[in-house]
Amino acid sequence: MNLYDYGDFLTVRPVHIATVSPDNKANLAIVSDIRIIDKNRVIISHNEMINTPNNIQTNSNVCITSFNFDWIGVRLYGTAEYYSEGEYLDLAIKHFKNENTNPVGAIIVTVNKLEELK
């Protein structure tokens, strides 16, 4: 698996990330900024997500989905880590900060399974 082979899917919006709360409730959030950082990891900017960062800290399992305009897509399964400071927040600020977006954290997802959706 090489995420670079699926980069086009991650540039189409919306992209969604699913997490699970500490009390086992599903949470789905829209991802406004995502970027591949190596063949099996992506960085997601935490701009306004309310539940996602807390959920990741208690259960790191996540699922990300994205589709192109022909409804062909990818589903990524992996584990996430949340960073509110340090090199990954700096990377999120470098890549995503603009007049509308000011990252307050970064989510790094290590993808361990990828499904093509057709």
PDB file of N, CA and C in Angstrom:
ATOM      1  N   MET A   1       0.844  -1.185   0.000  1.00  0.00           N
ATOM      2  CA  MET A   1       0.000   0.000   0.000  1.00  0.00           C
ATOM      3  C   MET A   1       0.882   1.237   0.000  1.00  0.00           C
ATOM      4  N   ASN A   2       0.539   2.174  -0.848  1.00  0.00           N
ATOM      5  CA  ASN A   2       1.251   3.447  -0.914  1.00  0.00           C
ATOM      6  C   ASN A   2       0.210   4.552  -1.074  1.00  0.00           C
ATOM      7  N   LEU A   3       0.071   5.391  -0.060  1.00  0.00           N
ATOM      8  CA  LEU A   3      -0.950   6.437  -0.101  1.00  0.00           C
ATOM      9  C   LEU A   3      -0.759   7.402  -1.258  1.00  0.00           C
ATOM     10  N   TYR A   4       0.471   7.571  -1.701  1.00  0.00           N
ATOM     11  CA  TYR A   4       0.708   8.482  -2.832  1.00  0.00           C
ATOM     12  C   TYR A   4      -0.067   8.043  -4.074  1.00  0.00           C
ATOM     13  N   ASP A   5      -0.352   6.747  -4.190  1.00  0.00           N
ATOM     14  CA  ASP A   5      -1.138   6.248  -5.319  1.00  0.00           C
ATOM     15  C   ASP A   5      -2.600   6.696  -5.253  1.00  0.00           C
ATOM     16  N   TYR A   6      -3.032   7.179  -4.094  1.00  0.00           N
ATOM     17  CA  TYR A   6      -4.429   7.565  -3.882  1.00  0.00           C
ATOM     18  C   TYR A   6      -4.574   9.043  -3.525  1.00  0.00           C
ATOM     19  N   GLY A   7      -3.553   9.811  -3.785  1.00  0.00           N
ATOM     20  CA  GLY A   7      -3.541  11.224  -3.416  1.00  0.00           C
ATOM     21  C   GLY A   7      -4.676  12.026  -4.006  1.00  0.00           C
ATOM     22  N   ASP A   8      -5.098  11.696  -5.216  1.00  0.00           N
ATOM     23  CA  ASP A   8      -6.195  12.443  -5.846  1.00  0.00           C
ATOM     24  C   ASP A   8      -7.480  12.352  -5.037  1.00  0.00           C
ATOM     25  N   PHE A   9      -7.709  11.223  -4.376  1.00  0.00           N
ATOM     26  CA  PHE A   9      -8.926  11.069  -3.582  1.00  0.00           C
ATOM     27  C   PHE A   9      -8.911  11.967  -2.352  1.00  0.00           C
ATOM     28  N   LEU A  10      -7.730  12.218  -1.815  1.00  0.00           N
ATOM     29  CA  LEU A  10      -7.646  12.992  -0.579  1.00  0.00           C
ATOM     30  C   LEU A  10      -7.644  14.492  -0.824  1.00  0.00           C
ATOM     31  N   THR A  11      -7.656  14.907  -2.079  1.00  0.00           N
ATOM     32  CA  THR A  11      -7.723  16.335  -2.374  1.00  0.00           C
ATOM     33  C   THR A  11      -9.139  16.780  -2.721  1.00  0.00           C
ATOM     34  N   VAL A  12     -10.051  15.827  -2.894  1.00  0.00           N
ATOM     35  CA  VAL A  12     -11.450  16.129  -3.191  1.00  0.00           C
ATOM     36  C   VAL A  12     -12.182  16.288  -1.860  1.00  0.00           C
ATOM     37  N   ARG A  13     -13.052  17.252  -1.777  1.00  0.00           N
ATOM     38  CA  ARG A  13     -13.788  17.470  -0.532  1.00  0.00           C
ATOM     39  C   ARG A  13     -15.228  17.031  -0.711  1.00  0.00           C
ATOM     40  N   PRO A  14     -15.911  16.529   0.274  1.00  0.00           N
ATOM     41  CA  PRO A  14     -15.419  16.421   1.639  1.00  0.00           C
ATOM     42  C   PRO A  14     -14.690  15.106   1.889  1.00  0.00           C
ATOM     43  N   VAL A  15     -13.811  15.143   2.863  1.00  0.00           N
ATOM     44  CA  VAL A  15     -13.170  13.962   3.427  1.00  0.00           C
ATOM     45  C   VAL A  15     -13.743  13.843   4.840  1.00  0.00           C
ATOM     46  N   HIS A  16     -14.017  12.624   5.278  1.00  0.00           N
ATOM     47  CA  HIS A  16     -14.593  12.414   6.611  1.00  0.00           C
ATOM     48  C   HIS A  16     -13.681  11.536   7.450  1.00  0.00           C
ATOM     49  N   ILE A  17     -13.674  11.788   8.766  1.00  0.00           N
ATOM     50  CA  ILE A  17     -12.959  10.939   9.707  1.00  0.00           C
ATOM     51  C   ILE A  17     -13.953  10.476  10.769  1.00  0.00           C
ATOM     52  N   ALA A  18     -13.967   9.174  11.013  1.00  0.00           N
ATOM     53  CA  ALA A  18     -14.842   8.592  12.026  1.00  0.00           C
ATOM     54  C   ALA A  18     -14.006   8.177  13.231  1.00  0.00           C
ATOM     55  N   THR A  19     -14.517   8.506  14.409  1.00  0.00           N
ATOM     56  CA  THR A  19     -13.895   8.119  15.672  1.00  0.00           C
ATOM     57  C   THR A  19     -14.975   7.565  16.588  1.00  0.00           C
ATOM     58  N   VAL A  20     -14.542   7.082  17.758  1.00  0.00           N
ATOM     59  CA  VAL A  20     -15.476   6.554  18.746  1.00  0.00           C
ATOM     60  C   VAL A  20     -15.205   7.249  20.075  1.00  0.00           C
ATOM     61  N   SER A  21     -16.271   7.712  20.724  1.00  0.00           N
ATOM     62  CA  SER A  21     -16.143   8.435  21.992  1.00  0.00           C
ATOM     63  C   SER A  21     -15.825   7.468  23.135  1.00  0.00           C
ATOM     64  N   PRO A  22     -15.413   8.013  24.285  1.00  0.00           N
ATOM     65  CA  PRO A  22     -15.138   7.150  25.439  1.00  0.00           C
ATOM     66  C   PRO A  22     -16.359   6.330  25.877  1.00  0.00           C
ATOM     67  N   ASP A  23     -17.563   6.830  25.592  1.00  0.00           N
ATOM     68  CA  ASP A  23     -18.766   6.069  25.952  1.00  0.00           C
ATOM     69  C   ASP A  23     -19.339   5.297  24.759  1.00  0.00           C
ATOM     70  N   ASN A  24     -18.471   4.991  23.791  1.00  0.00           N
ATOM     71  CA  ASN A  24     -18.795   4.127  22.637  1.00  0.00           C
ATOM     72  C   ASN A  24     -19.806   4.704  21.674  1.00  0.00           C
ATOM     73  N   LYS A  25     -19.835   6.012  21.520  1.00  0.00           N
ATOM     74  CA  LYS A  25     -20.718   6.639  20.531  1.00  0.00           C
ATOM     75  C   LYS A  25     -19.883   7.026  19.308  1.00  0.00           C
ATOM     76  N   ALA A  26     -20.434   6.749  18.139  1.00  0.00           N
ATOM     77  CA  ALA A  26     -19.742   7.075  16.890  1.00  0.00           C
ATOM     78  C   ALA A  26     -19.722   8.588  16.677  1.00  0.00           C
ATOM     79  N   ASN A  27     -18.652   9.059  16.070  1.00  0.00           N
ATOM     80  CA  ASN A  27     -18.510  10.483  15.745  1.00  0.00           C
ATOM     81  C   ASN A  27     -17.955  10.582  14.325  1.00  0.00           C
ATOM     82  N   LEU A  28     -18.566  11.422  13.514  1.00  0.00           N
ATOM     83  CA  LEU A  28     -18.105  11.648  12.152  1.00  0.00           C
ATOM     84  C   LEU A  28     -17.838  13.138  11.987  1.00  0.00           C
ATOM     85  N   ALA A  29     -16.641  13.467  11.532  1.00  0.00           N
ATOM     86  CA  ALA A  29     -16.270  14.868  11.350  1.00  0.00           C
ATOM     87  C   ALA A  29     -15.804  15.095   9.922  1.00  0.00           C
ATOM     88  N   ILE A  30     -16.046  16.293   9.439  1.00  0.00           N
ATOM     89  CA  ILE A  30     -15.557  16.694   8.126  1.00  0.00           C
ATOM     90  C   ILE A  30     -14.130  17.202   8.286  1.00  0.00           C
ATOM     91  N   VAL A  31     -13.257  16.737   7.411  1.00  0.00           N
ATOM     92  CA  VAL A  31     -11.856  17.147   7.410  1.00  0.00           C
ATOM     93  C   VAL A  31     -11.692  18.223   6.354  1.00  0.00           C
ATOM     94  N   SER A  32     -11.250  19.396   6.771  1.00  0.00           N
ATOM     95  CA  SER A  32     -11.058  20.464   5.789  1.00  0.00           C
ATOM     96  C   SER A  32      -9.654  20.454   5.199  1.00  0.00           C
ATOM     97  N   ASP A  33      -8.664  19.949   5.958  1.00  0.00           N
ATOM     98  CA  ASP A  33      -7.282  19.966   5.486  1.00  0.00           C
ATOM     99  C   ASP A  33      -6.614  18.645   5.801  1.00  0.00           C
ATOM    100  N   ILE A  34      -6.152  17.956   4.751  1.00  0.00           N
ATOM    101  CA  ILE A  34      -5.474  16.679   4.894  1.00  0.00           C
ATOM    102  C   ILE A  34      -4.354  16.621   3.860  1.00  0.00           C
ATOM    103  N   ARG A  35      -3.265  15.974   4.234  1.00  0.00           N
ATOM    104  CA  ARG A  35      -2.119  15.877   3.326  1.00  0.00           C
ATOM    105  C   ARG A  35      -1.372  14.577   3.620  1.00  0.00           C
ATOM    106  N   ILE A  36      -0.911  13.925   2.573  1.00  0.00           N
ATOM    107  CA  ILE A  36      -0.079  12.731   2.731  1.00  0.00           C
ATOM    108  C   ILE A  36       1.309  13.183   3.164  1.00  0.00           C
ATOM    109  N   ILE A  37       1.853  12.547   4.224  1.00  0.00           N
ATOM    110  CA  ILE A  37       3.212  12.901   4.646  1.00  0.00           C
ATOM    111  C   ILE A  37       4.225  11.800   4.371  1.00  0.00           C
ATOM    112  N   ASP A  38       3.783  10.590   4.167  1.00  0.00           N
ATOM    113  CA  ASP A  38       4.637   9.522   3.654  1.00  0.00           C
ATOM    114  C   ASP A  38       3.737   8.400   3.152  1.00  0.00           C
ATOM    115  N   LYS A  39       4.314   7.286   2.742  1.00  0.00           N
ATOM    116  CA  LYS A  39       3.521   6.268   2.044  1.00  0.00           C
ATOM    117  C   LYS A  39       2.413   5.638   2.882  1.00  0.00           C
ATOM    118  N   ASN A  40       2.455   5.787   4.211  1.00  0.00           N
ATOM    119  CA  ASN A  40       1.375   5.215   5.014  1.00  0.00           C
ATOM    120  C   ASN A  40       0.856   6.153   6.109  1.00  0.00           C
ATOM    121  N   ARG A  41       1.144   7.467   6.004  1.00  0.00           N
ATOM    122  CA  ARG A  41       0.648   8.407   7.006  1.00  0.00           C
ATOM    123  C   ARG A  41       0.101   9.675   6.360  1.00  0.00           C
ATOM    124  N   VAL A  42      -0.954  10.207   7.006  1.00  0.00           N
ATOM    125  CA  VAL A  42      -1.513  11.496   6.609  1.00  0.00           C
ATOM    126  C   VAL A  42      -1.532  12.411   7.828  1.00  0.00           C
ATOM    127  N   ILE A  43      -1.514  13.704   7.554  1.00  0.00           N
ATOM    128  CA  ILE A  43      -1.693  14.696   8.602  1.00  0.00           C
ATOM    129  C   ILE A  43      -3.020  15.400   8.342  1.00  0.00           C
ATOM    130  N   ILE A  44      -3.773  15.608   9.411  1.00  0.00           N
ATOM    131  CA  ILE A  44      -5.052  16.307   9.357  1.00  0.00           C
ATOM    132  C   ILE A  44      -4.954  17.500  10.290  1.00  0.00           C
ATOM    133  N   SER A  45      -5.371  18.640   9.803  1.00  0.00           N
ATOM    134  CA  SER A  45      -5.363  19.843  10.616  1.00  0.00           C
ATOM    135  C   SER A  45      -6.575  19.872  11.537  1.00  0.00           C
ATOM    136  N   HIS A  46      -6.332  20.142  12.814  1.00  0.00           N
ATOM    137  CA  HIS A  46      -7.441  20.347  13.750  1.00  0.00           C
ATOM    138  C   HIS A  46      -7.731  21.833  13.785  1.00  0.00           C
ATOM    139  N   ASN A  47      -8.833  22.198  13.165  1.00  0.00           N
ATOM    140  CA  ASN A  47      -9.250  23.596  13.114  1.00  0.00           C
ATOM    141  C   ASN A  47     -10.429  23.830  14.054  1.00  0.00           C
ATOM    142  N   GLU A  48     -11.523  23.134  13.813  1.00  0.00           N
ATOM    143  CA  GLU A  48     -12.736  23.362  14.590  1.00  0.00           C
ATOM    144  C   GLU A  48     -13.406  22.077  15.065  1.00  0.00           C
ATOM    145  N   MET A  49     -12.761  20.947  14.921  1.00  0.00           N
ATOM    146  CA  MET A  49     -13.367  19.692  15.374  1.00  0.00           C
ATOM    147  C   MET A  49     -13.569  19.744  16.880  1.00  0.00           C
ATOM    148  N   ILE A  50     -14.737  19.308  17.328  1.00  0.00           N
ATOM    149  CA  ILE A  50     -15.053  19.372  18.756  1.00  0.00           C
ATOM    150  C   ILE A  50     -14.722  18.055  19.456  1.00  0.00           C
ATOM    151  N   ASN A  51     -15.215  16.951  18.950  1.00  0.00           N
ATOM    152  CA  ASN A  51     -15.076  15.662  19.633  1.00  0.00           C
ATOM    153  C   ASN A  51     -13.882  14.831  19.173  1.00  0.00           C
ATOM    154  N   THR A  52     -13.468  14.994  17.953  1.00  0.00           N
ATOM    155  CA  THR A  52     -12.454  14.121  17.365  1.00  0.00           C
ATOM    156  C   THR A  52     -11.161  14.061  18.167  1.00  0.00           C
ATOM    157  N   PRO A  53     -10.543  15.185  18.546  1.00  0.00           N
ATOM    158  CA  PRO A  53      -9.279  15.094  19.296  1.00  0.00           C
ATOM    159  C   PRO A  53      -9.413  14.321  20.615  1.00  0.00           C
ATOM    160  N   ASN A  54     -10.489  14.569  21.357  1.00  0.00           N
ATOM    161  CA  ASN A  54     -10.688  13.844  22.616  1.00  0.00           C
ATOM    162  C   ASN A  54     -10.919  12.358  22.379  1.00  0.00           C
ATOM    163  N   ASN A  55     -11.690  12.032  21.348  1.00  0.00           N
ATOM    164  CA  ASN A  55     -11.950  10.630  21.045  1.00  0.00           C
ATOM    165  C   ASN A  55     -10.669   9.887  20.721  1.00  0.00           C
ATOM    166  N   ILE A  56      -9.789  10.513  19.955  1.00  0.00           N
ATOM    167  CA  ILE A  56      -8.532   9.879  19.553  1.00  0.00           C
ATOM    168  C   ILE A  56      -7.666   9.570  20.770  1.00  0.00           C
ATOM    169  N   GLN A  57      -7.743  10.404  21.773  1.00  0.00           N
ATOM    170  CA  GLN A  57      -6.912  10.187  22.956  1.00  0.00           C
ATOM    171  C   GLN A  57      -7.374   8.994  23.788  1.00  0.00           C
ATOM    172  N   THR A  58      -8.634   8.586  23.643  1.00  0.00           N
ATOM    173  CA  THR A  58      -9.113   7.419  24.382  1.00  0.00           C
ATOM    174  C   THR A  58      -9.242   6.167  23.511  1.00  0.00           C
ATOM    175  N   ASN A  59      -9.379   6.363  22.201  1.00  0.00           N
ATOM    176  CA  ASN A  59      -9.461   5.238  21.268  1.00  0.00           C
ATOM    177  C   ASN A  59      -8.840   5.707  19.958  1.00  0.00           C
ATOM    178  N   SER A  60      -7.673   5.209  19.646  1.00  0.00           N
ATOM    179  CA  SER A  60      -6.915   5.723  18.497  1.00  0.00           C
ATOM    180  C   SER A  60      -7.373   5.192  17.148  1.00  0.00           C
ATOM    181  N   ASN A  61      -8.312   4.259  17.124  1.00  0.00           N
ATOM    182  CA  ASN A  61      -8.778   3.700  15.852  1.00  0.00           C
ATOM    183  C   ASN A  61      -9.651   4.705  15.112  1.00  0.00           C
ATOM    184  N   VAL A  62      -9.355   4.893  13.826  1.00  0.00           N
ATOM    185  CA  VAL A  62     -10.113   5.828  12.993  1.00  0.00           C
ATOM    186  C   VAL A  62     -10.374   5.213  11.630  1.00  0.00           C
ATOM    187  N   CYS A  63     -11.336   5.802  10.935  1.00  0.00           N
ATOM    188  CA  CYS A  63     -11.637   5.453   9.556  1.00  0.00           C
ATOM    189  C   CYS A  63     -11.833   6.758   8.793  1.00  0.00           C
ATOM    190  N   ILE A  64     -11.217   6.858   7.630  1.00  0.00           N
ATOM    191  CA  ILE A  64     -11.309   8.054   6.786  1.00  0.00           C
ATOM    192  C   ILE A  64     -11.891   7.635   5.446  1.00  0.00           C
ATOM    193  N   THR A  65     -12.845   8.414   4.933  1.00  0.00           N
ATOM    194  CA  THR A  65     -13.396   8.131   3.612  1.00  0.00           C
ATOM    195  C   THR A  65     -13.353   9.370   2.739  1.00  0.00           C
ATOM    196  N   SER A  66     -13.203   9.122   1.447  1.00  0.00           N
ATOM    197  CA  SER A  66     -13.242  10.191   0.457  1.00  0.00           C
ATOM    198  C   SER A  66     -13.651   9.600  -0.880  1.00  0.00           C
ATOM    199  N   PHE A  67     -14.408  10.380  -1.646  1.00  0.00           N
ATOM    200  CA  PHE A  67     -14.886   9.943  -2.961  1.00  0.00           C
ATOM    201  C   PHE A  67     -14.606  11.035  -3.987  1.00  0.00           C
ATOM    202  N   ASN A  68     -14.378  10.602  -5.229  1.00  0.00           N
ATOM    203  CA  ASN A  68     -14.262  11.590  -6.293  1.00  0.00           C
ATOM    204  C   ASN A  68     -15.661  11.895  -6.841  1.00  0.00           C
ATOM    205  N   PHE A  69     -15.731  12.681  -7.894  1.00  0.00           N
ATOM    206  CA  PHE A  69     -17.028  13.097  -8.431  1.00  0.00           C
ATOM    207  C   PHE A  69     -17.793  11.980  -9.130  1.00  0.00           C
ATOM    208  N   ASP A  70     -17.113  10.859  -9.419  1.00  0.00           N
ATOM    209  CA  ASP A  70     -17.767   9.695 -10.005  1.00  0.00           C
ATOM    210  C   ASP A  70     -18.167   8.673  -8.942  1.00  0.00           C
ATOM    211  N   TRP A  71     -18.071   9.040  -7.669  1.00  0.00           N
ATOM    212  CA  TRP A  71     -18.388   8.192  -6.532  1.00  0.00           C
ATOM    213  C   TRP A  71     -17.494   6.963  -6.444  1.00  0.00           C
ATOM    214  N   ILE A  72     -16.280   7.105  -6.901  1.00  0.00           N
ATOM    215  CA  ILE A  72     -15.241   6.104  -6.664  1.00  0.00           C
ATOM    216  C   ILE A  72     -14.406   6.661  -5.526  1.00  0.00           C
ATOM    217  N   GLY A  73     -14.079   5.819  -4.555  1.00  0.00           N
ATOM    218  CA  GLY A  73     -13.410   6.377  -3.392  1.00  0.00           C
ATOM    219  C   GLY A  73     -12.457   5.438  -2.707  1.00  0.00           C
ATOM    220  N   VAL A  74     -12.020   5.895  -1.542  1.00  0.00           N
ATOM    221  CA  VAL A  74     -11.145   5.102  -0.695  1.00  0.00           C
ATOM    222  C   VAL A  74     -11.653   5.165   0.743  1.00  0.00           C
ATOM    223  N   ARG A  75     -11.406   4.077   1.449  1.00  0.00           N
ATOM    224  CA  ARG A  75     -11.662   4.017   2.880  1.00  0.00           C
ATOM    225  C   ARG A  75     -10.337   3.617   3.517  1.00  0.00           C
ATOM    226  N   LEU A  76      -9.859   4.458   4.427  1.00  0.00           N
ATOM    227  CA  LEU A  76      -8.590   4.221   5.107  1.00  0.00           C
ATOM    228  C   LEU A  76      -8.864   3.868   6.564  1.00  0.00           C
ATOM    229  N   TYR A  77      -8.276   2.780   7.027  1.00  0.00           N
ATOM    230  CA  TYR A  77      -8.362   2.402   8.431  1.00  0.00           C
ATOM    231  C   TYR A  77      -6.988   2.589   9.047  1.00  0.00           C
ATOM    232  N   GLY A  78      -6.958   3.082  10.273  1.00  0.00           N
ATOM    233  CA  GLY A  78      -5.666   3.249  10.913  1.00  0.00           C
ATOM    234  C   GLY A  78      -5.777   3.693  12.353  1.00  0.00           C
ATOM    235  N   THR A  79      -4.637   4.102  12.868  1.00  0.00           N
ATOM    236  CA  THR A  79      -4.570   4.615  14.230  1.00  0.00           C
ATOM    237  C   THR A  79      -4.094   6.059  14.171  1.00  0.00           C
ATOM    238  N   ALA A  80      -4.625   6.854  15.085  1.00  0.00           N
ATOM    239  CA  ALA A  80      -4.354   8.284  15.075  1.00  0.00           C
ATOM    240  C   ALA A  80      -3.692   8.721  16.370  1.00  0.00           C
ATOM    241  N   GLU A  81      -2.892   9.756  16.243  1.00  0.00           N
ATOM    242  CA  GLU A  81      -2.311  10.422  17.404  1.00  0.00           C
ATOM    243  C   GLU A  81      -2.595  11.907  17.264  1.00  0.00           C
ATOM    244  N   TYR A  82      -2.882  12.547  18.389  1.00  0.00           N
ATOM    245  CA  TYR A  82      -3.195  13.970  18.383  1.00  0.00           C
ATOM    246  C   TYR A  82      -2.041  14.758  18.986  1.00  0.00           C
ATOM    247  N   TYR A  83      -1.709  15.886  18.334  1.00  0.00           N
ATOM    248  CA  TYR A  83      -0.618  16.742  18.791  1.00  0.00           C
ATOM    249  C   TYR A  83      -1.117  18.185  18.908  1.00  0.00           C
ATOM    250  N   SER A  84      -0.962  18.764  20.088  1.00  0.00           N
ATOM    251  CA  SER A  84      -1.345  20.162  20.297  1.00  0.00           C
ATOM    252  C   SER A  84      -0.121  21.077  20.333  1.00  0.00           C
ATOM    253  N   GLU A  85       1.060  20.494  20.131  1.00  0.00           N
ATOM    254  CA  GLU A  85       2.296  21.266  20.068  1.00  0.00           C
ATOM    255  C   GLU A  85       3.362  20.413  19.378  1.00  0.00           C
ATOM    256  N   GLY A  86       4.476  21.040  19.048  1.00  0.00           N
ATOM    257  CA  GLY A  86       5.591  20.298  18.488  1.00  0.00           C
ATOM    258  C   GLY A  86       5.627  20.282  16.976  1.00  0.00           C
ATOM    259  N   GLU A  87       6.443  19.351  16.458  1.00  0.00           N
ATOM    260  CA  GLU A  87       6.734  19.341  15.022  1.00  0.00           C
ATOM    261  C   GLU A  87       5.508  19.111  14.145  1.00  0.00           C
ATOM    262  N   TYR A  88       4.555  18.303  14.604  1.00  0.00           N
ATOM    263  CA  TYR A  88       3.388  18.039  13.761  1.00  0.00           C
ATOM    264  C   TYR A  88       2.426  19.225  13.735  1.00  0.00           C
ATOM    265  N   LEU A  89       2.275  19.916  14.855  1.00  0.00           N
ATOM    266  CA  LEU A  89       1.480  21.147  14.824  1.00  0.00           C
ATOM    267  C   LEU A  89       2.167  22.167  13.924  1.00  0.00           C
ATOM    268  N   ASP A  90       3.491  22.285  14.035  1.00  0.00           N
ATOM    269  CA  ASP A  90       4.236  23.204  13.166  1.00  0.00           C
ATOM    270  C   ASP A  90       4.024  22.851  11.697  1.00  0.00           C
ATOM    271  N   LEU A  91       4.009  21.551  11.380  1.00  0.00           N
ATOM    272  CA  LEU A  91       3.783  21.102  10.001  1.00  0.00           C
ATOM    273  C   LEU A  91       2.371  21.462   9.539  1.00  0.00           C
ATOM    274  N   ALA A  92       1.377  21.294  10.413  1.00  0.00           N
ATOM    275  CA  ALA A  92      -0.007  21.661  10.064  1.00  0.00           C
ATOM    276  C   ALA A  92      -0.108  23.156   9.800  1.00  0.00           C
ATOM    277  N   ILE A  93       0.528  23.950  10.636  1.00  0.00           N
ATOM    278  CA  ILE A  93       0.498  25.398  10.445  1.00  0.00           C
ATOM    279  C   ILE A  93       1.174  25.768   9.126  1.00  0.00           C
ATOM    280  N   LYS A  94       2.312  25.136   8.851  1.00  0.00           N
ATOM    281  CA  LYS A  94       3.044  25.425   7.612  1.00  0.00           C
ATOM    282  C   LYS A  94       2.196  25.126   6.376  1.00  0.00           C
ATOM    283  N   HIS A  95       1.496  23.996   6.379  1.00  0.00           N
ATOM    284  CA  HIS A  95       0.768  23.566   5.180  1.00  0.00           C
ATOM    285  C   HIS A  95      -0.648  24.110   5.081  1.00  0.00           C
ATOM    286  N   PHE A  96      -1.294  24.415   6.203  1.00  0.00           N
ATOM    287  CA  PHE A  96      -2.718  24.696   6.160  1.00  0.00           C
ATOM    288  C   PHE A  96      -3.139  26.086   6.611  1.00  0.00           C
ATOM    289  N   LYS A  97      -2.283  26.807   7.329  1.00  0.00           N
ATOM    290  CA  LYS A  97      -2.702  28.110   7.844  1.00  0.00           C
ATOM    291  C   LYS A  97      -2.904  29.101   6.706  1.00  0.00           C
ATOM    292  N   ASN A  98      -4.038  29.798   6.754  1.00  0.00           N
ATOM    293  CA  ASN A  98      -4.331  30.863   5.802  1.00  0.00           C
ATOM    294  C   ASN A  98      -5.306  31.828   6.450  1.00  0.00           C
ATOM    295  N   GLU A  99      -5.885  32.711   5.694  1.00  0.00           N
ATOM    296  CA  GLU A  99      -6.783  33.705   6.280  1.00  0.00           C
ATOM    297  C   GLU A  99      -8.054  33.093   6.871  1.00  0.00           C
ATOM    298  N   ASN A 100      -8.395  31.875   6.460  1.00  0.00           N
ATOM    299  CA  ASN A 100      -9.596  31.211   6.966  1.00  0.00           C
ATOM    300  C   ASN A 100      -9.307  30.069   7.938  1.00  0.00           C
ATOM    301  N   THR A 101      -8.077  29.626   8.008  1.00  0.00           N
ATOM    302  CA  THR A 101      -7.729  28.441   8.784  1.00  0.00           C
ATOM    303  C   THR A 101      -6.545  28.728   9.692  1.00  0.00           C
ATOM    304  N   ASN A 102      -6.701  28.394  10.969  1.00  0.00           N
ATOM    305  CA  ASN A 102      -5.615  28.543  11.929  1.00  0.00           C
ATOM    306  C   ASN A 102      -5.536  27.267  12.769  1.00  0.00           C
ATOM    307  N   PRO A 103      -4.728  26.294  12.360  1.00  0.00           N
ATOM    308  CA  PRO A 103      -4.675  25.018  13.073  1.00  0.00           C
ATOM    309  C   PRO A 103      -4.307  25.185  14.544  1.00  0.00           C
ATOM    310  N   VAL A 104      -5.039  24.463  15.407  1.00  0.00           N
ATOM    311  CA  VAL A 104      -4.725  24.445  16.839  1.00  0.00           C
ATOM    312  C   VAL A 104      -4.169  23.086  17.257  1.00  0.00           C
ATOM    313  N   GLY A 105      -4.129  22.158  16.330  1.00  0.00           N
ATOM    314  CA  GLY A 105      -3.591  20.833  16.585  1.00  0.00           C
ATOM    315  C   GLY A 105      -3.405  20.090  15.286  1.00  0.00           C
ATOM    316  N   ALA A 106      -2.782  18.933  15.397  1.00  0.00           N
ATOM    317  CA  ALA A 106      -2.554  18.078  14.230  1.00  0.00           C
ATOM    318  C   ALA A 106      -2.880  16.640  14.599  1.00  0.00           C
ATOM    319  N   ILE A 107      -3.481  15.941  13.669  1.00  0.00           N
ATOM    320  CA  ILE A 107      -3.790  14.522  13.821  1.00  0.00           C
ATOM    321  C   ILE A 107      -2.947  13.770  12.806  1.00  0.00           C
ATOM    322  N   ILE A 108      -2.141  12.842  13.294  1.00  0.00           N
ATOM    323  CA  ILE A 108      -1.348  11.991  12.415  1.00  0.00           C
ATOM    324  C   ILE A 108      -1.999  10.618  12.399  1.00  0.00           C
ATOM    325  N   VAL A 109      -2.385  10.167  11.212  1.00  0.00           N
ATOM    326  CA  VAL A 109      -3.009   8.854  11.060  1.00  0.00           C
ATOM    327  C   VAL A 109      -2.048   7.940  10.326  1.00  0.00           C
ATOM    328  N   THR A 110      -1.731   6.817  10.974  1.00  0.00           N
ATOM    329  CA  THR A 110      -0.958   5.761  10.335  1.00  0.00           C
ATOM    330  C   THR A 110      -1.956   4.765   9.773  1.00  0.00           C
ATOM    331  N   VAL A 111      -1.975   4.649   8.456  1.00  0.00           N
ATOM    332  CA  VAL A 111      -2.952   3.804   7.766  1.00  0.00           C
ATOM    333  C   VAL A 111      -2.425   2.379   7.712  1.00  0.00           C
ATOM    334  N   ASN A 112      -3.260   1.429   8.163  1.00  0.00           N
ATOM    335  CA  ASN A 112      -2.851   0.030   8.108  1.00  0.00           C
ATOM    336  C   ASN A 112      -3.704  -0.805   7.160  1.00  0.00           C
ATOM    337  N   LYS A 113      -4.760  -0.189   6.626  1.00  0.00           N
ATOM    338  CA  LYS A 113      -5.592  -0.888   5.642  1.00  0.00           C
ATOM    339  C   LYS A 113      -6.250   0.151   4.749  1.00  0.00           C
ATOM    340  N   LEU A 114      -6.303  -0.133   3.466  1.00  0.00           N
ATOM    341  CA  LEU A 114      -6.927   0.752   2.485  1.00  0.00           C
ATOM    342  C   LEU A 114      -7.855  -0.071   1.618  1.00  0.00           C
ATOM    343  N   GLU A 115      -9.081   0.400   1.442  1.00  0.00           N
ATOM    344  CA  GLU A 115     -10.040  -0.248   0.557  1.00  0.00           C
ATOM    345  C   GLU A 115     -10.429   0.723  -0.549  1.00  0.00           C
ATOM    346  N   GLU A 116     -10.422   0.225  -1.771  1.00  0.00           N
ATOM    347  CA  GLU A 116     -10.958   1.014  -2.886  1.00  0.00           C
ATOM    348  C   GLU A 116     -12.462   0.792  -2.915  1.00  0.00           C
ATOM    349  N   LEU A 117     -13.212   1.857  -3.112  1.00  0.00           N
ATOM    350  CA  LEU A 117     -14.674   1.782  -3.133  1.00  0.00           C
ATOM    351  C   LEU A 117     -15.167   2.135  -4.526  1.00  0.00           C
ATOM    352  N   LYS A 118     -15.901   1.216  -5.148  1.00  0.00           N
ATOM    353  CA  LYS A 118     -16.387   1.450  -6.510  1.00  0.00           C
ATOM    354  C   LYS A 118     -17.862   1.192  -6.587  1.00  0.00           C
TER     355      LYS A 118
END
